[in-house]
PDB file of all heavy atoms in Angstrom:
ATOM      1  N   THR A   1       0.820  -1.219   0.000  1.00  0.00           N
ATOM      2  CA  THR A   1       0.000   0.000   0.000  1.00  0.00           C
ATOM      3  C   THR A   1       0.847   1.260   0.000  1.00  0.00           C
ATOM      4  O   THR A   1       0.354   2.345  -0.307  1.00  0.00           O
ATOM      5  CB  THR A   1      -0.926   0.015   1.234  1.00  0.00           C
ATOM      6  OG1 THR A   1      -0.129  -0.168   2.419  1.00  0.00           O
ATOM      7  CG2 THR A   1      -1.968  -1.084   1.144  1.00  0.00           C
ATOM      8  N   VAL A   2       2.116   1.128   0.339  1.00  0.00           N
ATOM      9  CA  VAL A   2       3.041   2.267   0.328  1.00  0.00           C
ATOM     10  C   VAL A   2       4.025   2.157  -0.834  1.00  0.00           C
ATOM     11  O   VAL A   2       4.346   3.152  -1.493  1.00  0.00           O
ATOM     12  CB  VAL A   2       3.811   2.359   1.663  1.00  0.00           C
ATOM     13  CG1 VAL A   2       4.873   3.455   1.596  1.00  0.00           C
ATOM     14  CG2 VAL A   2       2.861   2.613   2.820  1.00  0.00           C
ATOM     15  N   ALA A   3       4.498   0.942  -1.095  1.00  0.00           N
ATOM     16  CA  ALA A   3       5.534   0.741  -2.119  1.00  0.00           C
ATOM     17  C   ALA A   3       5.045   1.129  -3.513  1.00  0.00           C
ATOM     18  O   ALA A   3       5.766   1.800  -4.277  1.00  0.00           O
ATOM     19  CB  ALA A   3       6.001  -0.707  -2.115  1.00  0.00           C
ATOM     20  N   VAL A   4       3.815   0.734  -3.856  1.00  0.00           N
ATOM     21  CA  VAL A   4       3.295   1.049  -5.199  1.00  0.00           C
ATOM     22  C   VAL A   4       3.168   2.557  -5.403  1.00  0.00           C
ATOM     23  O   VAL A   4       3.647   3.099  -6.414  1.00  0.00           O
ATOM     24  CB  VAL A   4       1.950   0.339  -5.451  1.00  0.00           C
ATOM     25  CG1 VAL A   4       1.332   0.829  -6.765  1.00  0.00           C
ATOM     26  CG2 VAL A   4       2.145  -1.170  -5.503  1.00  0.00           C
ATOM     27  N   PRO A   5       2.530   3.302  -4.455  1.00  0.00           N
ATOM     28  CA  PRO A   5       2.484   4.762  -4.621  1.00  0.00           C
ATOM     29  C   PRO A   5       3.874   5.386  -4.699  1.00  0.00           C
ATOM     30  O   PRO A   5       4.086   6.341  -5.458  1.00  0.00           O
ATOM     31  CB  PRO A   5       1.746   5.234  -3.358  1.00  0.00           C
ATOM     32  CG  PRO A   5       0.921   4.066  -2.937  1.00  0.00           C
ATOM     33  CD  PRO A   5       1.731   2.865  -3.289  1.00  0.00           C
ATOM     34  N   ARG A   6       4.814   4.835  -3.921  1.00  0.00           N
ATOM     35  CA  ARG A   6       6.186   5.372  -3.957  1.00  0.00           C
ATOM     36  C   ARG A   6       6.804   5.169  -5.331  1.00  0.00           C
ATOM     37  O   ARG A   6       7.438   6.075  -5.889  1.00  0.00           O
ATOM     38  CB  ARG A   6       7.043   4.696  -2.884  1.00  0.00           C
ATOM     39  CG  ARG A   6       8.479   5.248  -2.835  1.00  0.00           C
ATOM     40  CD  ARG A   6       9.351   4.430  -1.907  1.00  0.00           C
ATOM     41  NE  ARG A   6       8.830   4.453  -0.549  1.00  0.00           N
ATOM     42  CZ  ARG A   6       8.566   3.347   0.169  1.00  0.00           C
ATOM     43  NH1 ARG A   6       8.752   2.158  -0.367  1.00  0.00           N
ATOM     44  NH2 ARG A   6       8.104   3.455   1.395  1.00  0.00           N
ATOM     45  N   HIS A   7       6.647   3.957  -5.888  1.00  0.00           N
ATOM     46  CA  HIS A   7       7.174   3.689  -7.229  1.00  0.00           C
ATOM     47  C   HIS A   7       6.586   4.663  -8.249  1.00  0.00           C
ATOM     48  O   HIS A   7       7.299   5.195  -9.106  1.00  0.00           O
ATOM     49  CB  HIS A   7       6.840   2.249  -7.661  1.00  0.00           C
ATOM     50  CG  HIS A   7       7.562   1.192  -6.894  1.00  0.00           C
ATOM     51  ND1 HIS A   7       8.825   1.369  -6.387  1.00  0.00           N
ATOM     52  CD2 HIS A   7       7.186  -0.075  -6.543  1.00  0.00           C
ATOM     53  CE1 HIS A   7       9.212   0.269  -5.755  1.00  0.00           C
ATOM     54  NE2 HIS A   7       8.223  -0.623  -5.841  1.00  0.00           N
ATOM     55  N   ILE A   8       5.289   4.882  -8.158  1.00  0.00           N
ATOM     56  CA  ILE A   8       4.608   5.776  -9.095  1.00  0.00           C
ATOM     57  C   ILE A   8       5.110   7.215  -8.939  1.00  0.00           C
ATOM     58  O   ILE A   8       5.373   7.914  -9.925  1.00  0.00           O
ATOM     59  CB  ILE A   8       3.082   5.709  -8.906  1.00  0.00           C
ATOM     60  CG1 ILE A   8       2.558   4.362  -9.415  1.00  0.00           C
ATOM     61  CG2 ILE A   8       2.379   6.863  -9.626  1.00  0.00           C
ATOM     62  CD1 ILE A   8       1.084   4.144  -9.168  1.00  0.00           C
ATOM     63  N   ALA A   9       5.258   7.655  -7.696  1.00  0.00           N
ATOM     64  CA  ALA A   9       5.734   9.018  -7.439  1.00  0.00           C
ATOM     65  C   ALA A   9       7.141   9.225  -7.993  1.00  0.00           C
ATOM     66  O   ALA A   9       7.440  10.254  -8.617  1.00  0.00           O
ATOM     67  CB  ALA A   9       5.694   9.309  -5.946  1.00  0.00           C
ATOM     68  N   ILE A  10       7.999   8.240  -7.771  1.00  0.00           N
ATOM     69  CA  ILE A  10       9.379   8.338  -8.272  1.00  0.00           C
ATOM     70  C   ILE A  10       9.379   8.341  -9.798  1.00  0.00           C
ATOM     71  O   ILE A  10      10.113   9.107 -10.441  1.00  0.00           O
ATOM     72  CB  ILE A  10      10.232   7.178  -7.713  1.00  0.00           C
ATOM     73  CG1 ILE A  10      10.474   7.396  -6.208  1.00  0.00           C
ATOM     74  CG2 ILE A  10      11.560   7.069  -8.460  1.00  0.00           C
ATOM     75  CD1 ILE A  10      11.193   6.256  -5.521  1.00  0.00           C
ATOM     76  N   TYR A  11       8.560   7.478 -10.382  1.00  0.00           N
ATOM     77  CA  TYR A  11       8.455   7.428 -11.853  1.00  0.00           C
ATOM     78  C   TYR A  11       7.998   8.781 -12.411  1.00  0.00           C
ATOM     79  O   TYR A  11       8.568   9.291 -13.381  1.00  0.00           O
ATOM     80  CB  TYR A  11       7.468   6.336 -12.252  1.00  0.00           C
ATOM     81  CG  TYR A  11       7.121   6.325 -13.722  1.00  0.00           C
ATOM     82  CD1 TYR A  11       7.951   5.706 -14.655  1.00  0.00           C
ATOM     83  CD2 TYR A  11       5.953   6.943 -14.184  1.00  0.00           C
ATOM     84  CE1 TYR A  11       7.636   5.711 -16.011  1.00  0.00           C
ATOM     85  CE2 TYR A  11       5.631   6.950 -15.540  1.00  0.00           C
ATOM     86  CZ  TYR A  11       6.483   6.328 -16.444  1.00  0.00           C
ATOM     87  OH  TYR A  11       6.163   6.339 -17.774  1.00  0.00           O
ATOM     88  N   LEU A  12       6.985   9.370 -11.792  1.00  0.00           N
ATOM     89  CA  LEU A  12       6.482  10.665 -12.255  1.00  0.00           C
ATOM     90  C   LEU A  12       7.522  11.766 -12.084  1.00  0.00           C
ATOM     91  O   LEU A  12       7.608  12.684 -12.905  1.00  0.00           O
ATOM     92  CB  LEU A  12       5.198  11.027 -11.508  1.00  0.00           C
ATOM     93  CG  LEU A  12       3.959  10.196 -11.880  1.00  0.00           C
ATOM     94  CD1 LEU A  12       2.803  10.501 -10.926  1.00  0.00           C
ATOM     95  CD2 LEU A  12       3.544  10.467 -13.328  1.00  0.00           C
ATOM     96  N   CYS A  13       8.312  11.695 -11.025  1.00  0.00           N
ATOM     97  CA  CYS A  13       9.387  12.685 -10.827  1.00  0.00           C
ATOM     98  C   CYS A  13      10.397  12.615 -11.964  1.00  0.00           C
ATOM     99  O   CYS A  13      10.887  13.641 -12.437  1.00  0.00           O
ATOM    100  CB  CYS A  13      10.091  12.448  -9.489  1.00  0.00           C
ATOM    101  SG  CYS A  13       9.108  12.931  -8.052  1.00  0.00           S
ATOM    102  N   ARG A  14      10.688  11.389 -12.385  1.00  0.00           N
ATOM    103  CA  ARG A  14      11.634  11.222 -13.491  1.00  0.00           C
ATOM    104  C   ARG A  14      11.048  11.744 -14.801  1.00  0.00           C
ATOM    105  O   ARG A  14      11.741  12.348 -15.625  1.00  0.00           O
ATOM    106  CB  ARG A  14      11.998   9.737 -13.632  1.00  0.00           C
ATOM    107  CG  ARG A  14      12.942   9.415 -14.790  1.00  0.00           C
ATOM    108  CD  ARG A  14      14.252  10.148 -14.674  1.00  0.00           C
ATOM    109  NE  ARG A  14      15.227   9.653 -15.615  1.00  0.00           N
ATOM    110  CZ  ARG A  14      16.366  10.258 -15.890  1.00  0.00           C
ATOM    111  NH1 ARG A  14      16.663  11.386 -15.277  1.00  0.00           N
ATOM    112  NH2 ARG A  14      17.217   9.748 -16.750  1.00  0.00           N
ATOM    113  N   GLU A  15       9.742  11.518 -15.012  1.00  0.00           N
ATOM    114  CA  GLU A  15       9.099  11.892 -16.259  1.00  0.00           C
ATOM    115  C   GLU A  15       8.758  13.378 -16.347  1.00  0.00           C
ATOM    116  O   GLU A  15       8.806  13.972 -17.418  1.00  0.00           O
ATOM    117  CB  GLU A  15       7.812  11.070 -16.451  1.00  0.00           C
ATOM    118  CG  GLU A  15       8.046   9.588 -16.686  1.00  0.00           C
ATOM    119  CD  GLU A  15       8.782   9.303 -17.976  1.00  0.00           C
ATOM    120  OE1 GLU A  15       8.314   9.777 -19.027  1.00  0.00           O
ATOM    121  OE2 GLU A  15       9.828   8.634 -17.934  1.00  0.00           O
ATOM    122  N   LEU A  16       8.414  13.992 -15.208  1.00  0.00           N
ATOM    123  CA  LEU A  16       7.844  15.340 -15.236  1.00  0.00           C
ATOM    124  C   LEU A  16       8.764  16.434 -14.711  1.00  0.00           C
ATOM    125  O   LEU A  16       8.419  17.614 -14.791  1.00  0.00           O
ATOM    126  CB  LEU A  16       6.534  15.365 -14.428  1.00  0.00           C
ATOM    127  CG  LEU A  16       5.439  14.387 -14.874  1.00  0.00           C
ATOM    128  CD1 LEU A  16       4.217  14.510 -13.955  1.00  0.00           C
ATOM    129  CD2 LEU A  16       5.046  14.632 -16.321  1.00  0.00           C
ATOM    130  N   THR A  17       9.902  16.059 -14.134  1.00  0.00           N
ATOM    131  CA  THR A  17      10.808  17.076 -13.603  1.00  0.00           C
ATOM    132  C   THR A  17      12.183  16.937 -14.228  1.00  0.00           C
ATOM    133  O   THR A  17      12.467  15.965 -14.928  1.00  0.00           O
ATOM    134  CB  THR A  17      10.941  16.973 -12.065  1.00  0.00           C
ATOM    135  OG1 THR A  17      11.817  15.871 -11.730  1.00  0.00           O
ATOM    136  CG2 THR A  17       9.593  16.772 -11.404  1.00  0.00           C
ATOM    137  N   GLU A  18      13.033  17.901 -13.945  1.00  0.00           N
ATOM    138  CA  GLU A  18      14.407  17.872 -14.438  1.00  0.00           C
ATOM    139  C   GLU A  18      15.382  17.406 -13.356  1.00  0.00           C
ATOM    140  O   GLU A  18      16.597  17.557 -13.501  1.00  0.00           O
ATOM    141  CB  GLU A  18      14.813  19.267 -14.939  1.00  0.00           C
ATOM    142  CG  GLU A  18      13.913  19.832 -16.022  1.00  0.00           C
ATOM    143  CD  GLU A  18      13.873  18.964 -17.264  1.00  0.00           C
ATOM    144  OE1 GLU A  18      14.816  18.183 -17.456  1.00  0.00           O
ATOM    145  OE2 GLU A  18      12.889  19.044 -18.015  1.00  0.00           O
ATOM    146  N   TYR A  19      14.859  16.842 -12.264  1.00  0.00           N
ATOM    147  CA  TYR A  19      15.726  16.370 -11.191  1.00  0.00           C
ATOM    148  C   TYR A  19      16.522  15.152 -11.650  1.00  0.00           C
ATOM    149  O   TYR A  19      16.016  14.299 -12.392  1.00  0.00           O
ATOM    150  CB  TYR A  19      14.893  15.991  -9.961  1.00  0.00           C
ATOM    151  CG  TYR A  19      14.369  17.165  -9.159  1.00  0.00           C
ATOM    152  CD1 TYR A  19      13.283  17.915  -9.617  1.00  0.00           C
ATOM    153  CD2 TYR A  19      14.951  17.529  -7.952  1.00  0.00           C
ATOM    154  CE1 TYR A  19      12.794  19.002  -8.902  1.00  0.00           C
ATOM    155  CE2 TYR A  19      14.468  18.610  -7.221  1.00  0.00           C
ATOM    156  CZ  TYR A  19      13.396  19.339  -7.699  1.00  0.00           C
ATOM    157  OH  TYR A  19      12.919  20.406  -6.985  1.00  0.00           O
ATOM    158  N   SER A  20      17.773  15.048 -11.196  1.00  0.00           N
ATOM    159  CA  SER A  20      18.579  13.866 -11.486  1.00  0.00           C
ATOM    160  C   SER A  20      18.101  12.704 -10.618  1.00  0.00           C
ATOM    161  O   SER A  20      17.343  12.898  -9.655  1.00  0.00           O
ATOM    162  CB  SER A  20      20.054  14.143 -11.187  1.00  0.00           C
ATOM    163  OG  SER A  20      20.256  14.293  -9.790  1.00  0.00           O
ATOM    164  N   LEU A  21      18.539  11.505 -10.929  1.00  0.00           N
ATOM    165  CA  LEU A  21      18.140  10.331 -10.146  1.00  0.00           C
ATOM    166  C   LEU A  21      18.610  10.456  -8.701  1.00  0.00           C
ATOM    167  O   LEU A  21      17.887  10.079  -7.770  1.00  0.00           O
ATOM    168  CB  LEU A  21      18.708   9.065 -10.788  1.00  0.00           C
ATOM    169  CG  LEU A  21      18.189   8.737 -12.200  1.00  0.00           C
ATOM    170  CD1 LEU A  21      18.841   7.463 -12.720  1.00  0.00           C
ATOM    171  CD2 LEU A  21      16.680   8.594 -12.203  1.00  0.00           C
ATOM    172  N   ASP A  22      19.810  10.968  -8.517  1.00  0.00           N
ATOM    173  CA  ASP A  22      20.330  11.149  -7.150  1.00  0.00           C
ATOM    174  C   ASP A  22      19.490  12.159  -6.374  1.00  0.00           C
ATOM    175  O   ASP A  22      19.199  11.975  -5.191  1.00  0.00           O
ATOM    176  CB  ASP A  22      21.792  11.604  -7.194  1.00  0.00           C
ATOM    177  CG  ASP A  22      22.725  10.494  -7.652  1.00  0.00           C
ATOM    178  OD1 ASP A  22      22.374   9.317  -7.435  1.00  0.00           O
ATOM    179  OD2 ASP A  22      23.776  10.798  -8.219  1.00  0.00           O
ATOM    180  N   GLU A  23      19.088  13.245  -7.063  1.00  0.00           N
ATOM    181  CA  GLU A  23      18.276  14.275  -6.399  1.00  0.00           C
ATOM    182  C   GLU A  23      16.895  13.741  -6.049  1.00  0.00           C
ATOM    183  O   GLU A  23      16.348  14.042  -4.975  1.00  0.00           O
ATOM    184  CB  GLU A  23      18.158  15.495  -7.319  1.00  0.00           C
ATOM    185  CG  GLU A  23      19.452  16.281  -7.446  1.00  0.00           C
ATOM    186  CD  GLU A  23      19.386  17.336  -8.537  1.00  0.00           C
ATOM    187  OE1 GLU A  23      18.563  17.196  -9.456  1.00  0.00           O
ATOM    188  OE2 GLU A  23      20.178  18.300  -8.470  1.00  0.00           O
ATOM    189  N   ILE A  24      16.334  12.920  -6.933  1.00  0.00           N
ATOM    190  CA  ILE A  24      15.037  12.307  -6.632  1.00  0.00           C
ATOM    191  C   ILE A  24      15.163  11.396  -5.419  1.00  0.00           C
ATOM    192  O   ILE A  24      14.309  11.401  -4.533  1.00  0.00           O
ATOM    193  CB  ILE A  24      14.522  11.523  -7.857  1.00  0.00           C
ATOM    194  CG1 ILE A  24      14.180  12.485  -8.994  1.00  0.00           C
ATOM    195  CG2 ILE A  24      13.287  10.688  -7.479  1.00  0.00           C
ATOM    196  CD1 ILE A  24      13.842  11.793 -10.301  1.00  0.00           C
ATOM    197  N   GLY A  25      16.228  10.629  -5.387  1.00  0.00           N
ATOM    198  CA  GLY A  25      16.460   9.735  -4.247  1.00  0.00           C
ATOM    199  C   GLY A  25      16.528  10.488  -2.930  1.00  0.00           C
ATOM    200  O   GLY A  25      15.984  10.034  -1.906  1.00  0.00           O
ATOM    201  N   GLU A  26      17.176  11.633  -2.944  1.00  0.00           N
ATOM    202  CA  GLU A  26      17.278  12.453  -1.726  1.00  0.00           C
ATOM    203  C   GLU A  26      15.905  12.907  -1.253  1.00  0.00           C
ATOM    204  O   GLU A  26      15.631  12.996  -0.061  1.00  0.00           O
ATOM    205  CB  GLU A  26      18.173  13.676  -1.989  1.00  0.00           C
ATOM    206  CG  GLU A  26      19.659  13.386  -2.010  1.00  0.00           C
ATOM    207  CD  GLU A  26      20.142  12.855  -0.662  1.00  0.00           C
ATOM    208  OE1 GLU A  26      19.758  13.427   0.376  1.00  0.00           O
ATOM    209  OE2 GLU A  26      20.892  11.862  -0.651  1.00  0.00           O
ATOM    210  N   GLU A  27      15.019  13.200  -2.203  1.00  0.00           N
ATOM    211  CA  GLU A  27      13.677  13.677  -1.869  1.00  0.00           C
ATOM    212  C   GLU A  27      12.770  12.548  -1.366  1.00  0.00           C
ATOM    213  O   GLU A  27      11.679  12.802  -0.864  1.00  0.00           O
ATOM    214  CB  GLU A  27      13.031  14.337  -3.095  1.00  0.00           C
ATOM    215  CG  GLU A  27      13.733  15.584  -3.585  1.00  0.00           C
ATOM    216  CD  GLU A  27      13.570  16.755  -2.628  1.00  0.00           C
ATOM    217  OE1 GLU A  27      12.603  16.768  -1.861  1.00  0.00           O
ATOM    218  OE2 GLU A  27      14.428  17.656  -2.648  1.00  0.00           O
ATOM    219  N   PHE A  28      13.220  11.322  -1.526  1.00  0.00           N
ATOM    220  CA  PHE A  28      12.442  10.171  -1.047  1.00  0.00           C
ATOM    221  C   PHE A  28      13.206   9.424   0.045  1.00  0.00           C
ATOM    222  O   PHE A  28      13.438   8.222  -0.019  1.00  0.00           O
ATOM    223  CB  PHE A  28      12.106   9.236  -2.212  1.00  0.00           C
ATOM    224  CG  PHE A  28      10.982   9.726  -3.071  1.00  0.00           C
ATOM    225  CD1 PHE A  28      11.227  10.627  -4.091  1.00  0.00           C
ATOM    226  CD2 PHE A  28       9.677   9.304  -2.863  1.00  0.00           C
ATOM    227  CE1 PHE A  28      10.195  11.100  -4.894  1.00  0.00           C
ATOM    228  CE2 PHE A  28       8.636   9.777  -3.652  1.00  0.00           C
ATOM    229  CZ  PHE A  28       8.894  10.679  -4.670  1.00  0.00           C
ATOM    230  N   GLY A  29      13.597  10.178   1.055  1.00  0.00           N
ATOM    231  CA  GLY A  29      14.221   9.571   2.228  1.00  0.00           C
ATOM    232  C   GLY A  29      15.663   9.181   2.046  1.00  0.00           C
ATOM    233  O   GLY A  29      16.162   8.295   2.752  1.00  0.00           O
ATOM    234  N   GLY A  30      16.350   9.786   1.089  1.00  0.00           N
ATOM    235  CA  GLY A  30      17.777   9.493   0.911  1.00  0.00           C
ATOM    236  C   GLY A  30      18.042   8.180   0.204  1.00  0.00           C
ATOM    237  O   GLY A  30      19.064   7.534   0.442  1.00  0.00           O
ATOM    238  N   ARG A  31      17.149   7.761  -0.682  1.00  0.00           N
ATOM    239  CA  ARG A  31      17.346   6.517  -1.424  1.00  0.00           C
ATOM    240  C   ARG A  31      18.473   6.672  -2.443  1.00  0.00           C
ATOM    241  O   ARG A  31      18.659   7.741  -3.012  1.00  0.00           O
ATOM    242  CB  ARG A  31      16.047   6.109  -2.134  1.00  0.00           C
ATOM    243  CG  ARG A  31      15.034   5.519  -1.181  1.00  0.00           C
ATOM    244  CD  ARG A  31      13.695   5.208  -1.841  1.00  0.00           C
ATOM    245  NE  ARG A  31      12.941   4.277  -1.011  1.00  0.00           N
ATOM    246  CZ  ARG A  31      12.319   4.608   0.105  1.00  0.00           C
ATOM    247  NH1 ARG A  31      12.347   5.877   0.518  1.00  0.00           N
ATOM    248  NH2 ARG A  31      11.677   3.705   0.812  1.00  0.00           N
ATOM    249  N   ASP A  32      19.196   5.568  -2.666  1.00  0.00           N
ATOM    250  CA  ASP A  32      20.332   5.658  -3.580  1.00  0.00           C
ATOM    251  C   ASP A  32      19.887   5.537  -5.037  1.00  0.00           C
ATOM    252  O   ASP A  32      18.733   5.231  -5.347  1.00  0.00           O
ATOM    253  CB  ASP A  32      21.402   4.608  -3.260  1.00  0.00           C
ATOM    254  CG  ASP A  32      20.899   3.167  -3.382  1.00  0.00           C
ATOM    255  OD1 ASP A  32      19.947   2.936  -4.154  1.00  0.00           O
ATOM    256  OD2 ASP A  32      21.447   2.287  -2.711  1.00  0.00           O
ATOM    257  N   HIS A  33      20.852   5.785  -5.902  1.00  0.00           N
ATOM    258  CA  HIS A  33      20.641   5.823  -7.345  1.00  0.00           C
ATOM    259  C   HIS A  33      19.983   4.540  -7.862  1.00  0.00           C
ATOM    260  O   HIS A  33      19.018   4.569  -8.633  1.00  0.00           O
ATOM    261  CB  HIS A  33      22.020   6.034  -7.988  1.00  0.00           C
ATOM    262  CG  HIS A  33      22.003   6.176  -9.474  1.00  0.00           C
ATOM    263  ND1 HIS A  33      22.043   5.102 -10.323  1.00  0.00           N
ATOM    264  CD2 HIS A  33      21.956   7.276 -10.264  1.00  0.00           C
ATOM    265  CE1 HIS A  33      22.027   5.530 -11.559  1.00  0.00           C
ATOM    266  NE2 HIS A  33      21.984   6.843 -11.567  1.00  0.00           N
ATOM    267  N   SER A  34      20.490   3.379  -7.450  1.00  0.00           N
ATOM    268  CA  SER A  34      19.991   2.102  -7.963  1.00  0.00           C
ATOM    269  C   SER A  34      18.561   1.830  -7.504  1.00  0.00           C
ATOM    270  O   SER A  34      17.766   1.228  -8.236  1.00  0.00           O
ATOM    271  CB  SER A  34      20.909   0.954  -7.533  1.00  0.00           C
ATOM    272  OG  SER A  34      21.001   0.879  -6.128  1.00  0.00           O
ATOM    273  N   THR A  35      18.205   2.275  -6.293  1.00  0.00           N
ATOM    274  CA  THR A  35      16.846   2.076  -5.787  1.00  0.00           C
ATOM    275  C   THR A  35      15.853   2.906  -6.594  1.00  0.00           C
ATOM    276  O   THR A  35      14.744   2.454  -6.890  1.00  0.00           O
ATOM    277  CB  THR A  35      16.767   2.464  -4.301  1.00  0.00           C
ATOM    278  OG1 THR A  35      17.730   1.709  -3.569  1.00  0.00           O
ATOM    279  CG2 THR A  35      15.383   2.185  -3.738  1.00  0.00           C
ATOM    280  N   VAL A  36      16.251   4.115  -6.952  1.00  0.00           N
ATOM    281  CA  VAL A  36      15.392   4.977  -7.762  1.00  0.00           C
ATOM    282  C   VAL A  36      15.162   4.335  -9.131  1.00  0.00           C
ATOM    283  O   VAL A  36      14.029   4.284  -9.629  1.00  0.00           O
ATOM    284  CB  VAL A  36      16.016   6.380  -7.925  1.00  0.00           C
ATOM    285  CG1 VAL A  36      15.218   7.211  -8.925  1.00  0.00           C
ATOM    286  CG2 VAL A  36      16.075   7.094  -6.579  1.00  0.00           C
ATOM    287  N   ILE A  37      16.236   3.826  -9.737  1.00  0.00           N
ATOM    288  CA  ILE A  37      16.112   3.164 -11.042  1.00  0.00           C
ATOM    289  C   ILE A  37      15.192   1.952 -10.941  1.00  0.00           C
ATOM    290  O   ILE A  37      14.366   1.696 -11.831  1.00  0.00           O
ATOM    291  CB  ILE A  37      17.499   2.733 -11.563  1.00  0.00           C
ATOM    292  CG1 ILE A  37      18.317   3.968 -11.973  1.00  0.00           C
ATOM    293  CG2 ILE A  37      17.365   1.771 -12.744  1.00  0.00           C
ATOM    294  CD1 ILE A  37      19.691   3.646 -12.473  1.00  0.00           C
ATOM    295  N   SER A  38      15.309   1.204  -9.858  1.00  0.00           N
ATOM    296  CA  SER A  38      14.470   0.024  -9.656  1.00  0.00           C
ATOM    297  C   SER A  38      12.992   0.406  -9.616  1.00  0.00           C
ATOM    298  O   SER A  38      12.141  -0.276 -10.202  1.00  0.00           O
ATOM    299  CB  SER A  38      14.866  -0.687  -8.361  1.00  0.00           C
ATOM    300  OG  SER A  38      14.026  -1.787  -8.107  1.00  0.00           O
TER     301      SER A  38
END
């Protein structure tokens, strides 16, 4: 119930913003590059 919305939010950040993968990870609790890609 949390993981799916998180995946969707991260995906939308990649599609709709100019943030790098590392920057997106920081905005989601400090997740690393590979977790964001996953």
